[in-house]
């Protein structure tokens, strides 16, 4: 019988396969399939682990389908009859090694599964700066009661209504963020590689990457929600940061490598950007001596925007079990990764 190997016992309890999820998989498994649940713990950080446990290395040679947080190269090379890999992460950068790129193994990801909690993080980050909560937190630490920074000529306080929000990446995360921000009255412009796909709900306009410079000049908020590819790596470099209005807020929920971190730090220090909410960084964990920790205009969170306790595996299995049934029927799968494009 064909074998599905599930490597979902994450070290982090938020991401580990629950008992209810395991029961659902057993109950909804297609006929004549074996399922092996790996009990050894694995990493769910970023795009997944770079190494595998002895347990999964023992069973992978017999696997037809593998579900894990990406698939490390040694594990992929040990597989002998693997036909489909599903990643419980949205990013697949760690799985795009030459053998995967050149091979015939299907690769699907979990793009969209984290969209709702990440979109809520984006809204919270925008409101944090638009309502001057960074100023309030700073005053609270000093036990200072002072309305002047909020009501004076240089007040940072503003409404989301009427703000122009540029969202780089109009996929699941970008779309959910646009829906929520547009409901607050923002004018959302999406940036995507394939403009011909049209603008999802929530976007008032859609542009290609080659039009991004003009959009940056008019943006009140920049949301980075695109996958890391050769096209997006270093997208917000020093030249493009120079284009932003000084009142602009940056929110990065994509990957740290999309922006030039040292240049961003200098812009924040000089007051050339209103603020930056960063959930991802070029190096994680963020070093203790990184200047971002000390900047009031930087909101630093430890890559937790997707966290949604108790909800992840329900959404993940809605996707995976539907795909599993499609796979058995020979139908096209959802969320198939374009390996060359990187997502």
C-alpha atoms as a PDB file:
ATOM      1  CA  UNK A   1       0.000   0.000   0.000  1.00  0.00           C
ATOM      2  CA  UNK A   2       1.166   3.568  -0.607  1.00  0.00           C
ATOM      3  CA  UNK A   3       2.598   5.290   2.450  1.00  0.00           C
ATOM      4  CA  UNK A   4       2.113   8.804   3.804  1.00  0.00           C
ATOM      5  CA  UNK A   5       4.756   9.920   6.305  1.00  0.00           C
ATOM      6  CA  UNK A   6       3.750  12.809   8.575  1.00  0.00           C
ATOM      7  CA  UNK A   7       6.612  14.615  10.298  1.00  0.00           C
ATOM      8  CA  UNK A   8       4.585  17.057  12.367  1.00  0.00           C
ATOM      9  CA  UNK A   9       5.720  16.679  15.969  1.00  0.00           C
ATOM     10  CA  UNK A  10       7.108  20.197  16.188  1.00  0.00           C
ATOM     11  CA  UNK A  11       9.211  21.345  19.125  1.00  0.00           C
ATOM     12  CA  UNK A  12       6.950  24.377  19.452  1.00  0.00           C
ATOM     13  CA  UNK A  13       3.620  23.348  20.925  1.00  0.00           C
ATOM     14  CA  UNK A  14       1.757  25.887  18.782  1.00  0.00           C
ATOM     15  CA  UNK A  15       2.766  24.045  15.612  1.00  0.00           C
ATOM     16  CA  UNK A  16       2.880  20.432  16.771  1.00  0.00           C
ATOM     17  CA  UNK A  17       0.373  17.991  15.309  1.00  0.00           C
ATOM     18  CA  UNK A  18      -2.515  17.692  17.760  1.00  0.00           C
ATOM     19  CA  UNK A  19      -4.246  14.502  18.815  1.00  0.00           C
ATOM     20  CA  UNK A  20      -7.440  15.766  17.180  1.00  0.00           C
ATOM     21  CA  UNK A  21      -5.572  16.403  13.930  1.00  0.00           C
ATOM     22  CA  UNK A  22      -4.082  12.908  13.992  1.00  0.00           C
ATOM     23  CA  UNK A  23      -7.521  11.403  14.551  1.00  0.00           C
ATOM     24  CA  UNK A  24      -8.923  13.431  11.665  1.00  0.00           C
ATOM     25  CA  UNK A  25      -6.163  12.219   9.345  1.00  0.00           C
ATOM     26  CA  UNK A  26      -6.848   8.598  10.259  1.00  0.00           C
ATOM     27  CA  UNK A  27     -10.596   9.064   9.825  1.00  0.00           C
ATOM     28  CA  UNK A  28     -10.351  10.802   6.444  1.00  0.00           C
ATOM     29  CA  UNK A  29      -7.479   8.835   4.922  1.00  0.00           C
ATOM     30  CA  UNK A  30      -8.286   7.428   1.469  1.00  0.00           C
ATOM     31  CA  UNK A  31      -8.783   3.636   1.356  1.00  0.00           C
ATOM     32  CA  UNK A  32      -5.726   1.391   1.139  1.00  0.00           C
ATOM     33  CA  UNK A  33      -3.224   3.953   2.411  1.00  0.00           C
ATOM     34  CA  UNK A  34      -0.806   3.503   5.294  1.00  0.00           C
ATOM     35  CA  UNK A  35       0.011   6.506   7.468  1.00  0.00           C
ATOM     36  CA  UNK A  36       3.128   6.782   9.615  1.00  0.00           C
ATOM     37  CA  UNK A  37       3.290   9.507  12.263  1.00  0.00           C
ATOM     38  CA  UNK A  38       6.854  10.432  13.182  1.00  0.00           C
ATOM     39  CA  UNK A  39       7.142  10.813  16.959  1.00  0.00           C
ATOM     40  CA  UNK A  40      10.598  12.372  17.074  1.00  0.00           C
ATOM     41  CA  UNK A  41      10.494  16.135  17.393  1.00  0.00           C
ATOM     42  CA  UNK A  42      11.215  18.391  14.440  1.00  0.00           C
ATOM     43  CA  UNK A  43      11.683  22.120  13.909  1.00  0.00           C
ATOM     44  CA  UNK A  44       8.927  24.296  12.471  1.00  0.00           C
ATOM     45  CA  UNK A  45      10.980  27.502  12.368  1.00  0.00           C
ATOM     46  CA  UNK A  46      11.174  29.511   9.162  1.00  0.00           C
ATOM     47  CA  UNK A  47      11.023  27.287   6.103  1.00  0.00           C
ATOM     48  CA  UNK A  48      11.605  24.175   8.184  1.00  0.00           C
ATOM     49  CA  UNK A  49      14.570  22.170   9.496  1.00  0.00           C
ATOM     50  CA  UNK A  50      17.863  21.659   7.683  1.00  0.00           C
ATOM     51  CA  UNK A  51      18.407  18.258   9.290  1.00  0.00           C
ATOM     52  CA  UNK A  52      16.169  15.266   9.976  1.00  0.00           C
ATOM     53  CA  UNK A  53      15.752  12.826  12.846  1.00  0.00           C
ATOM     54  CA  UNK A  54      16.920   9.227  12.680  1.00  0.00           C
ATOM     55  CA  UNK A  55      13.313   8.063  12.879  1.00  0.00           C
ATOM     56  CA  UNK A  56      12.127   9.847   9.751  1.00  0.00           C
ATOM     57  CA  UNK A  57      15.315   8.867   7.906  1.00  0.00           C
ATOM     58  CA  UNK A  58      14.425   5.221   8.570  1.00  0.00           C
ATOM     59  CA  UNK A  59      10.920   5.442   7.097  1.00  0.00           C
ATOM     60  CA  UNK A  60      11.375   7.899   4.222  1.00  0.00           C
ATOM     61  CA  UNK A  61      12.681   5.296   1.712  1.00  0.00           C
ATOM     62  CA  UNK A  62       9.212   3.698   1.636  1.00  0.00           C
ATOM     63  CA  UNK A  63       7.219   6.937   1.542  1.00  0.00           C
ATOM     64  CA  UNK A  64       5.117   7.967  -1.439  1.00  0.00           C
ATOM     65  CA  UNK A  65       3.976  11.224   0.187  1.00  0.00           C
ATOM     66  CA  UNK A  66       5.694  13.290   2.870  1.00  0.00           C
ATOM     67  CA  UNK A  67       4.099  16.002   5.013  1.00  0.00           C
ATOM     68  CA  UNK A  68       6.479  18.086   7.089  1.00  0.00           C
ATOM     69  CA  UNK A  69       7.776  21.597   7.619  1.00  0.00           C
ATOM     70  CA  UNK A  70       9.654  21.625   4.335  1.00  0.00           C
ATOM     71  CA  UNK A  71      11.966  18.710   3.547  1.00  0.00           C
ATOM     72  CA  UNK A  72      15.698  18.828   4.289  1.00  0.00           C
ATOM     73  CA  UNK A  73      17.988  17.820   1.440  1.00  0.00           C
ATOM     74  CA  UNK A  74      19.406  14.679   3.164  1.00  0.00           C
ATOM     75  CA  UNK A  75      15.867  13.427   3.744  1.00  0.00           C
ATOM     76  CA  UNK A  76      14.898  14.089   0.133  1.00  0.00           C
ATOM     77  CA  UNK A  77      17.971  12.230  -1.103  1.00  0.00           C
ATOM     78  CA  UNK A  78      17.153   9.239   1.127  1.00  0.00           C
ATOM     79  CA  UNK A  79      13.666   8.888  -0.375  1.00  0.00           C
ATOM     80  CA  UNK A  80      13.381   6.165  -2.995  1.00  0.00           C
ATOM     81  CA  UNK A  81       9.815   6.426  -4.262  1.00  0.00           C
ATOM     82  CA  UNK A  82       8.666   9.868  -3.164  1.00  0.00           C
ATOM     83  CA  UNK A  83       6.130  11.496  -5.477  1.00  0.00           C
ATOM     84  CA  UNK A  84       4.721  14.427  -3.502  1.00  0.00           C
ATOM     85  CA  UNK A  85       5.992  16.647  -0.687  1.00  0.00           C
ATOM     86  CA  UNK A  86       3.618  18.937   1.173  1.00  0.00           C
ATOM     87  CA  UNK A  87       5.139  21.607   3.397  1.00  0.00           C
ATOM     88  CA  UNK A  88       3.199  22.806   6.420  1.00  0.00           C
ATOM     89  CA  UNK A  89       5.095  26.088   6.008  1.00  0.00           C
ATOM     90  CA  UNK A  90       4.322  28.749   3.424  1.00  0.00           C
ATOM     91  CA  UNK A  91       7.955  29.409   2.523  1.00  0.00           C
ATOM     92  CA  UNK A  92       9.850  26.632   0.769  1.00  0.00           C
ATOM     93  CA  UNK A  93      13.287  28.217   0.391  1.00  0.00           C
ATOM     94  CA  UNK A  94      15.079  25.440   2.295  1.00  0.00           C
ATOM     95  CA  UNK A  95      13.607  22.816  -0.054  1.00  0.00           C
ATOM     96  CA  UNK A  96      14.709  24.402  -3.319  1.00  0.00           C
ATOM     97  CA  UNK A  97      18.025  22.577  -3.682  1.00  0.00           C
ATOM     98  CA  UNK A  98      19.141  21.371  -7.149  1.00  0.00           C
ATOM     99  CA  UNK A  99      17.739  17.858  -6.774  1.00  0.00           C
ATOM    100  CA  UNK A 100      14.280  19.210  -5.955  1.00  0.00           C
ATOM    101  CA  UNK A 101      14.445  21.756  -8.771  1.00  0.00           C
ATOM    102  CA  UNK A 102      15.439  19.152 -11.338  1.00  0.00           C
ATOM    103  CA  UNK A 103      13.286  16.315 -10.025  1.00  0.00           C
ATOM    104  CA  UNK A 104       9.702  15.282 -10.736  1.00  0.00           C
ATOM    105  CA  UNK A 105       8.486  15.277  -7.133  1.00  0.00           C
ATOM    106  CA  UNK A 106       5.447  17.507  -6.662  1.00  0.00           C
ATOM    107  CA  UNK A 107       5.939  20.232  -4.068  1.00  0.00           C
ATOM    108  CA  UNK A 108       2.996  21.989  -2.438  1.00  0.00           C
ATOM    109  CA  UNK A 109       3.047  24.566   0.342  1.00  0.00           C
ATOM    110  CA  UNK A 110       0.700  26.060   2.913  1.00  0.00           C
ATOM    111  CA  UNK A 111       0.360  29.516   1.407  1.00  0.00           C
ATOM    112  CA  UNK A 112      -2.816  31.089   2.740  1.00  0.00           C
ATOM    113  CA  UNK A 113      -3.107  28.882   5.818  1.00  0.00           C
ATOM    114  CA  UNK A 114      -1.508  31.589   7.978  1.00  0.00           C
ATOM    115  CA  UNK A 115      -3.203  34.472   6.168  1.00  0.00           C
ATOM    116  CA  UNK A 116      -5.750  35.465   8.820  1.00  0.00           C
ATOM    117  CA  UNK A 117      -3.441  35.772  11.863  1.00  0.00           C
ATOM    118  CA  UNK A 118      -0.728  37.489   9.805  1.00  0.00           C
ATOM    119  CA  UNK A 119      -3.262  39.934   8.352  1.00  0.00           C
ATOM    120  CA  UNK A 120      -4.422  40.767  11.880  1.00  0.00           C
ATOM    121  CA  UNK A 121      -0.789  41.383  12.846  1.00  0.00           C
ATOM    122  CA  UNK A 122      -0.467  43.793   9.907  1.00  0.00           C
ATOM    123  CA  UNK A 123      -3.531  45.754  11.017  1.00  0.00           C
ATOM    124  CA  UNK A 124      -2.266  45.867  14.603  1.00  0.00           C
ATOM    125  CA  UNK A 125       1.140  47.107  13.433  1.00  0.00           C
ATOM    126  CA  UNK A 126      -0.365  49.871  11.310  1.00  0.00           C
ATOM    127  CA  UNK A 127      -2.577  51.021  14.183  1.00  0.00           C
ATOM    128  CA  UNK A 128       0.378  50.879  16.582  1.00  0.00           C
ATOM    129  CA  UNK A 129       2.124  53.637  14.657  1.00  0.00           C
ATOM    130  CA  UNK A 130      -0.901  55.498  13.286  1.00  0.00           C
ATOM    131  CA  UNK A 131      -2.348  55.966  16.779  1.00  0.00           C
ATOM    132  CA  UNK A 132       1.020  56.845  18.313  1.00  0.00           C
ATOM    133  CA  UNK A 133       1.165  53.832  20.596  1.00  0.00           C
ATOM    134  CA  UNK A 134       4.941  53.740  20.286  1.00  0.00           C
ATOM    135  CA  UNK A 135       4.977  57.200  21.870  1.00  0.00           C
ATOM    136  CA  UNK A 136       2.556  56.059  24.576  1.00  0.00           C
ATOM    137  CA  UNK A 137       4.652  52.992  25.440  1.00  0.00           C
ATOM    138  CA  UNK A 138       7.758  55.163  25.690  1.00  0.00           C
ATOM    139  CA  UNK A 139       5.963  57.597  28.026  1.00  0.00           C
ATOM    140  CA  UNK A 140       4.598  54.767  30.142  1.00  0.00           C
ATOM    141  CA  UNK A 141       8.097  53.399  30.725  1.00  0.00           C
ATOM    142  CA  UNK A 142       9.134  56.838  31.994  1.00  0.00           C
ATOM    143  CA  UNK A 143       5.869  57.382  33.919  1.00  0.00           C
ATOM    144  CA  UNK A 144       5.352  60.565  31.927  1.00  0.00           C
ATOM    145  CA  UNK A 145       1.891  62.122  31.371  1.00  0.00           C
ATOM    146  CA  UNK A 146       2.310  64.348  28.323  1.00  0.00           C
ATOM    147  CA  UNK A 147      -0.328  65.017  25.680  1.00  0.00           C
ATOM    148  CA  UNK A 148       1.837  67.373  23.647  1.00  0.00           C
ATOM    149  CA  UNK A 149       3.425  64.723  21.373  1.00  0.00           C
ATOM    150  CA  UNK A 150      -0.088  63.607  20.413  1.00  0.00           C
ATOM    151  CA  UNK A 151      -1.739  67.003  19.900  1.00  0.00           C
ATOM    152  CA  UNK A 152       1.174  69.193  18.795  1.00  0.00           C
ATOM    153  CA  UNK A 153       2.147  70.220  15.283  1.00  0.00           C
ATOM    154  CA  UNK A 154       4.420  67.182  14.945  1.00  0.00           C
ATOM    155  CA  UNK A 155       1.819  64.675  16.134  1.00  0.00           C
ATOM    156  CA  UNK A 156       2.275  61.250  14.514  1.00  0.00           C
ATOM    157  CA  UNK A 157      -1.384  60.379  15.079  1.00  0.00           C
ATOM    158  CA  UNK A 158      -3.499  59.800  11.996  1.00  0.00           C
ATOM    159  CA  UNK A 159      -6.397  57.704  10.744  1.00  0.00           C
ATOM    160  CA  UNK A 160      -6.154  54.586   8.633  1.00  0.00           C
ATOM    161  CA  UNK A 161      -9.108  55.916   6.678  1.00  0.00           C
ATOM    162  CA  UNK A 162      -7.755  57.577   3.556  1.00  0.00           C
ATOM    163  CA  UNK A 163      -4.250  56.132   3.926  1.00  0.00           C
ATOM    164  CA  UNK A 164      -2.581  54.708   0.829  1.00  0.00           C
ATOM    165  CA  UNK A 165      -1.259  51.219   1.570  1.00  0.00           C
ATOM    166  CA  UNK A 166       1.127  49.470  -0.815  1.00  0.00           C
ATOM    167  CA  UNK A 167       1.037  45.707  -0.278  1.00  0.00           C
ATOM    168  CA  UNK A 168       3.875  43.832  -1.970  1.00  0.00           C
ATOM    169  CA  UNK A 169       2.432  40.394  -2.585  1.00  0.00           C
ATOM    170  CA  UNK A 170      -1.232  39.965  -3.448  1.00  0.00           C
ATOM    171  CA  UNK A 171      -1.537  36.330  -2.418  1.00  0.00           C
ATOM    172  CA  UNK A 172      -3.359  34.942   0.588  1.00  0.00           C
ATOM    173  CA  UNK A 173      -1.656  37.098   3.222  1.00  0.00           C
ATOM    174  CA  UNK A 174      -1.684  40.287   1.166  1.00  0.00           C
ATOM    175  CA  UNK A 175      -5.321  39.786   0.230  1.00  0.00           C
ATOM    176  CA  UNK A 176      -6.460  39.221   3.814  1.00  0.00           C
ATOM    177  CA  UNK A 177      -4.527  42.304   4.931  1.00  0.00           C
ATOM    178  CA  UNK A 178      -6.063  44.370   2.119  1.00  0.00           C
ATOM    179  CA  UNK A 179      -9.586  43.275   3.045  1.00  0.00           C
ATOM    180  CA  UNK A 180      -9.113  44.342   6.647  1.00  0.00           C
ATOM    181  CA  UNK A 181      -7.347  47.614   5.913  1.00  0.00           C
ATOM    182  CA  UNK A 182      -9.800  48.595   3.190  1.00  0.00           C
ATOM    183  CA  UNK A 183     -12.622  47.950   5.667  1.00  0.00           C
ATOM    184  CA  UNK A 184     -11.000  50.673   7.793  1.00  0.00           C
ATOM    185  CA  UNK A 185     -11.041  53.021   4.822  1.00  0.00           C
ATOM    186  CA  UNK A 186      -7.525  52.533   3.445  1.00  0.00           C
ATOM    187  CA  UNK A 187      -6.792  52.626  -0.296  1.00  0.00           C
ATOM    188  CA  UNK A 188      -4.870  49.416  -0.934  1.00  0.00           C
ATOM    189  CA  UNK A 189      -2.592  48.941  -3.939  1.00  0.00           C
ATOM    190  CA  UNK A 190      -1.213  45.473  -4.583  1.00  0.00           C
ATOM    191  CA  UNK A 191       2.060  44.512  -6.243  1.00  0.00           C
ATOM    192  CA  UNK A 192       2.267  41.106  -7.868  1.00  0.00           C
ATOM    193  CA  UNK A 193       4.298  39.323 -10.512  1.00  0.00           C
ATOM    194  CA  UNK A 194       1.309  38.296 -12.605  1.00  0.00           C
ATOM    195  CA  UNK A 195      -0.958  41.313 -12.860  1.00  0.00           C
ATOM    196  CA  UNK A 196      -3.149  39.427 -15.337  1.00  0.00           C
ATOM    197  CA  UNK A 197      -4.489  37.372 -12.420  1.00  0.00           C
ATOM    198  CA  UNK A 198      -6.416  40.468 -11.378  1.00  0.00           C
ATOM    199  CA  UNK A 199      -6.872  42.256  -8.084  1.00  0.00           C
ATOM    200  CA  UNK A 200      -8.346  40.207  -5.214  1.00  0.00           C
ATOM    201  CA  UNK A 201     -11.051  41.686  -3.011  1.00  0.00           C
ATOM    202  CA  UNK A 202      -9.765  44.542  -0.868  1.00  0.00           C
ATOM    203  CA  UNK A 203      -7.408  45.981  -3.461  1.00  0.00           C
ATOM    204  CA  UNK A 204      -8.388  49.211  -5.184  1.00  0.00           C
ATOM    205  CA  UNK A 205      -5.559  48.845  -7.693  1.00  0.00           C
ATOM    206  CA  UNK A 206      -2.885  46.406  -8.801  1.00  0.00           C
ATOM    207  CA  UNK A 207       0.541  47.105 -10.320  1.00  0.00           C
ATOM    208  CA  UNK A 208       3.515  45.103 -11.535  1.00  0.00           C
ATOM    209  CA  UNK A 209       6.934  45.140  -9.885  1.00  0.00           C
ATOM    210  CA  UNK A 210       8.345  47.513 -12.484  1.00  0.00           C
ATOM    211  CA  UNK A 211       5.921  50.215 -11.277  1.00  0.00           C
ATOM    212  CA  UNK A 212       6.879  49.972  -7.631  1.00  0.00           C
ATOM    213  CA  UNK A 213       9.090  53.084  -7.492  1.00  0.00           C
ATOM    214  CA  UNK A 214       6.235  55.448  -8.316  1.00  0.00           C
ATOM    215  CA  UNK A 215       4.004  53.749  -5.765  1.00  0.00           C
ATOM    216  CA  UNK A 216       6.615  54.037  -3.019  1.00  0.00           C
ATOM    217  CA  UNK A 217       6.679  57.819  -3.359  1.00  0.00           C
ATOM    218  CA  UNK A 218       2.978  58.038  -2.497  1.00  0.00           C
ATOM    219  CA  UNK A 219       2.713  55.286   0.121  1.00  0.00           C
ATOM    220  CA  UNK A 220       1.653  55.890   3.710  1.00  0.00           C
ATOM    221  CA  UNK A 221       2.228  52.223   4.538  1.00  0.00           C
ATOM    222  CA  UNK A 222       4.364  49.516   2.910  1.00  0.00           C
ATOM    223  CA  UNK A 223       3.421  45.920   3.712  1.00  0.00           C
ATOM    224  CA  UNK A 224       5.918  43.270   2.622  1.00  0.00           C
ATOM    225  CA  UNK A 225       3.985  40.028   2.168  1.00  0.00           C
ATOM    226  CA  UNK A 226       5.704  38.471  -0.850  1.00  0.00           C
ATOM    227  CA  UNK A 227       7.780  35.281  -0.938  1.00  0.00           C
ATOM    228  CA  UNK A 228      11.552  35.568  -1.033  1.00  0.00           C
ATOM    229  CA  UNK A 229      12.690  35.158  -4.634  1.00  0.00           C
ATOM    230  CA  UNK A 230      15.467  36.573  -6.765  1.00  0.00           C
ATOM    231  CA  UNK A 231      13.032  39.323  -7.765  1.00  0.00           C
ATOM    232  CA  UNK A 232      12.123  40.294  -4.203  1.00  0.00           C
ATOM    233  CA  UNK A 233      15.497  39.834  -2.487  1.00  0.00           C
ATOM    234  CA  UNK A 234      16.714  43.287  -1.434  1.00  0.00           C
ATOM    235  CA  UNK A 235      13.544  44.875  -2.835  1.00  0.00           C
ATOM    236  CA  UNK A 236      13.556  47.733  -0.324  1.00  0.00           C
ATOM    237  CA  UNK A 237      17.170  48.797  -0.714  1.00  0.00           C
ATOM    238  CA  UNK A 238      18.622  52.156   0.261  1.00  0.00           C
ATOM    239  CA  UNK A 239      17.595  53.744  -3.044  1.00  0.00           C
ATOM    240  CA  UNK A 240      13.968  52.755  -2.596  1.00  0.00           C
ATOM    241  CA  UNK A 241      13.933  53.644   1.086  1.00  0.00           C
ATOM    242  CA  UNK A 242      14.978  57.133   0.005  1.00  0.00           C
ATOM    243  CA  UNK A 243      11.781  57.354  -2.071  1.00  0.00           C
ATOM    244  CA  UNK A 244       9.465  56.918   0.914  1.00  0.00           C
ATOM    245  CA  UNK A 245       7.679  59.853   2.552  1.00  0.00           C
ATOM    246  CA  UNK A 246       8.929  60.532   6.104  1.00  0.00           C
ATOM    247  CA  UNK A 247       5.476  59.629   7.455  1.00  0.00           C
ATOM    248  CA  UNK A 248       5.616  56.135   5.934  1.00  0.00           C
ATOM    249  CA  UNK A 249       5.285  52.977   8.032  1.00  0.00           C
ATOM    250  CA  UNK A 250       6.860  49.678   6.936  1.00  0.00           C
ATOM    251  CA  UNK A 251       5.449  46.304   8.008  1.00  0.00           C
ATOM    252  CA  UNK A 252       7.470  43.203   7.113  1.00  0.00           C
ATOM    253  CA  UNK A 253       5.771  39.820   7.522  1.00  0.00           C
ATOM    254  CA  UNK A 254       7.544  38.208   4.561  1.00  0.00           C
ATOM    255  CA  UNK A 255      11.265  37.491   4.956  1.00  0.00           C
ATOM    256  CA  UNK A 256      14.005  39.691   6.358  1.00  0.00           C
ATOM    257  CA  UNK A 257      15.997  39.573   3.137  1.00  0.00           C
ATOM    258  CA  UNK A 258      13.351  41.622   1.300  1.00  0.00           C
ATOM    259  CA  UNK A 259      14.751  44.801   2.793  1.00  0.00           C
ATOM    260  CA  UNK A 260      18.157  46.302   3.490  1.00  0.00           C
ATOM    261  CA  UNK A 261      18.241  46.100   7.289  1.00  0.00           C
ATOM    262  CA  UNK A 262      21.267  48.384   7.910  1.00  0.00           C
ATOM    263  CA  UNK A 263      19.801  51.029   5.591  1.00  0.00           C
ATOM    264  CA  UNK A 264      16.447  50.758   7.367  1.00  0.00           C
ATOM    265  CA  UNK A 265      18.145  51.277  10.732  1.00  0.00           C
ATOM    266  CA  UNK A 266      19.812  54.446   9.472  1.00  0.00           C
ATOM    267  CA  UNK A 267      16.528  55.783   8.072  1.00  0.00           C
ATOM    268  CA  UNK A 268      14.767  55.111  11.381  1.00  0.00           C
ATOM    269  CA  UNK A 269      17.547  56.741  13.381  1.00  0.00           C
ATOM    270  CA  UNK A 270      17.409  59.832  11.180  1.00  0.00           C
ATOM    271  CA  UNK A 271      13.612  60.073  11.362  1.00  0.00           C
ATOM    272  CA  UNK A 272      13.307  59.608   7.617  1.00  0.00           C
ATOM    273  CA  UNK A 273      10.668  56.900   8.119  1.00  0.00           C
ATOM    274  CA  UNK A 274       7.848  57.056  10.676  1.00  0.00           C
ATOM    275  CA  UNK A 275       8.294  53.487  11.869  1.00  0.00           C
ATOM    276  CA  UNK A 276       8.826  49.839  11.028  1.00  0.00           C
ATOM    277  CA  UNK A 277       7.071  46.764  12.416  1.00  0.00           C
ATOM    278  CA  UNK A 278       9.330  43.791  11.795  1.00  0.00           C
ATOM    279  CA  UNK A 279       8.404  40.169  12.429  1.00  0.00           C
ATOM    280  CA  UNK A 280      11.186  38.753  10.238  1.00  0.00           C
ATOM    281  CA  UNK A 281      14.888  39.541  10.019  1.00  0.00           C
ATOM    282  CA  UNK A 282      17.936  38.806   7.911  1.00  0.00           C
ATOM    283  CA  UNK A 283      19.353  36.721  10.759  1.00  0.00           C
ATOM    284  CA  UNK A 284      17.095  34.988  13.274  1.00  0.00           C
ATOM    285  CA  UNK A 285      17.123  35.124  16.203  1.00  0.00           C
ATOM    286  CA  UNK A 286      17.880  38.836  16.141  1.00  0.00           C
ATOM    287  CA  UNK A 287      21.242  39.515  17.793  1.00  0.00           C
ATOM    288  CA  UNK A 288      21.088  41.147  21.217  1.00  0.00           C
ATOM    289  CA  UNK A 289      23.304  43.999  20.009  1.00  0.00           C
ATOM    290  CA  UNK A 290      21.169  44.797  16.960  1.00  0.00           C
ATOM    291  CA  UNK A 291      20.228  48.509  17.067  1.00  0.00           C
ATOM    292  CA  UNK A 292      16.604  47.700  16.226  1.00  0.00           C
ATOM    293  CA  UNK A 293      16.015  46.649  19.846  1.00  0.00           C
ATOM    294  CA  UNK A 294      16.684  50.185  21.061  1.00  0.00           C
ATOM    295  CA  UNK A 295      14.796  52.184  18.443  1.00  0.00           C
ATOM    296  CA  UNK A 296      11.417  53.511  19.596  1.00  0.00           C
ATOM    297  CA  UNK A 297      10.322  53.696  15.969  1.00  0.00           C
ATOM    298  CA  UNK A 298      10.916  49.956  15.507  1.00  0.00           C
ATOM    299  CA  UNK A 299       8.438  47.329  16.677  1.00  0.00           C
ATOM    300  CA  UNK A 300      10.324  44.030  16.953  1.00  0.00           C
ATOM    301  CA  UNK A 301       8.539  40.681  17.266  1.00  0.00           C
ATOM    302  CA  UNK A 302      10.213  37.229  17.126  1.00  0.00           C
ATOM    303  CA  UNK A 303       8.619  35.811  13.939  1.00  0.00           C
ATOM    304  CA  UNK A 304       5.256  35.169  15.597  1.00  0.00           C
ATOM    305  CA  UNK A 305       2.778  36.842  13.241  1.00  0.00           C
ATOM    306  CA  UNK A 306       1.360  33.459  12.071  1.00  0.00           C
ATOM    307  CA  UNK A 307       0.640  32.240  15.597  1.00  0.00           C
ATOM    308  CA  UNK A 308      -2.967  31.179  16.129  1.00  0.00           C
ATOM    309  CA  UNK A 309      -3.170  28.587  18.918  1.00  0.00           C
ATOM    310  CA  UNK A 310      -5.650  25.838  18.203  1.00  0.00           C
ATOM    311  CA  UNK A 311      -6.476  27.004  14.678  1.00  0.00           C
ATOM    312  CA  UNK A 312      -3.433  26.100  12.579  1.00  0.00           C
ATOM    313  CA  UNK A 313      -3.926  22.365  12.103  1.00  0.00           C
ATOM    314  CA  UNK A 314      -7.639  22.710  11.368  1.00  0.00           C
ATOM    315  CA  UNK A 315      -6.830  25.026   8.456  1.00  0.00           C
ATOM    316  CA  UNK A 316      -3.772  23.025   7.443  1.00  0.00           C
ATOM    317  CA  UNK A 317      -5.758  19.801   7.204  1.00  0.00           C
ATOM    318  CA  UNK A 318      -8.544  21.466   5.241  1.00  0.00           C
ATOM    319  CA  UNK A 319      -5.890  22.068   2.593  1.00  0.00           C
ATOM    320  CA  UNK A 320      -3.884  18.861   2.895  1.00  0.00           C
ATOM    321  CA  UNK A 321      -6.788  16.414   3.068  1.00  0.00           C
ATOM    322  CA  UNK A 322      -8.426  18.037   0.063  1.00  0.00           C
ATOM    323  CA  UNK A 323      -5.127  17.742  -1.803  1.00  0.00           C
ATOM    324  CA  UNK A 324      -4.694  14.135  -0.707  1.00  0.00           C
ATOM    325  CA  UNK A 325      -8.076  13.244  -2.188  1.00  0.00           C
ATOM    326  CA  UNK A 326      -7.151  15.110  -5.373  1.00  0.00           C
ATOM    327  CA  UNK A 327      -3.864  13.231  -5.532  1.00  0.00           C
ATOM    328  CA  UNK A 328      -5.601   9.858  -5.245  1.00  0.00           C
ATOM    329  CA  UNK A 329      -8.069  10.822  -8.006  1.00  0.00           C
ATOM    330  CA  UNK A 330      -5.315  12.150 -10.233  1.00  0.00           C
ATOM    331  CA  UNK A 331      -6.693  15.709 -10.149  1.00  0.00           C
ATOM    332  CA  UNK A 332      -4.533  18.870 -10.064  1.00  0.00           C
ATOM    333  CA  UNK A 333      -3.374  19.835  -6.576  1.00  0.00           C
ATOM    334  CA  UNK A 334      -3.787  23.190  -4.872  1.00  0.00           C
ATOM    335  CA  UNK A 335      -0.792  25.299  -3.853  1.00  0.00           C
ATOM    336  CA  UNK A 336       1.648  23.637  -6.247  1.00  0.00           C
ATOM    337  CA  UNK A 337       4.976  25.455  -5.950  1.00  0.00           C
ATOM    338  CA  UNK A 338       6.585  26.884  -9.060  1.00  0.00           C
ATOM    339  CA  UNK A 339      10.042  25.643  -8.148  1.00  0.00           C
ATOM    340  CA  UNK A 340      11.864  28.003 -10.485  1.00  0.00           C
ATOM    341  CA  UNK A 341       9.891  31.034  -9.308  1.00  0.00           C
ATOM    342  CA  UNK A 342      10.444  30.007  -5.685  1.00  0.00           C
ATOM    343  CA  UNK A 343       6.829  29.905  -4.504  1.00  0.00           C
END
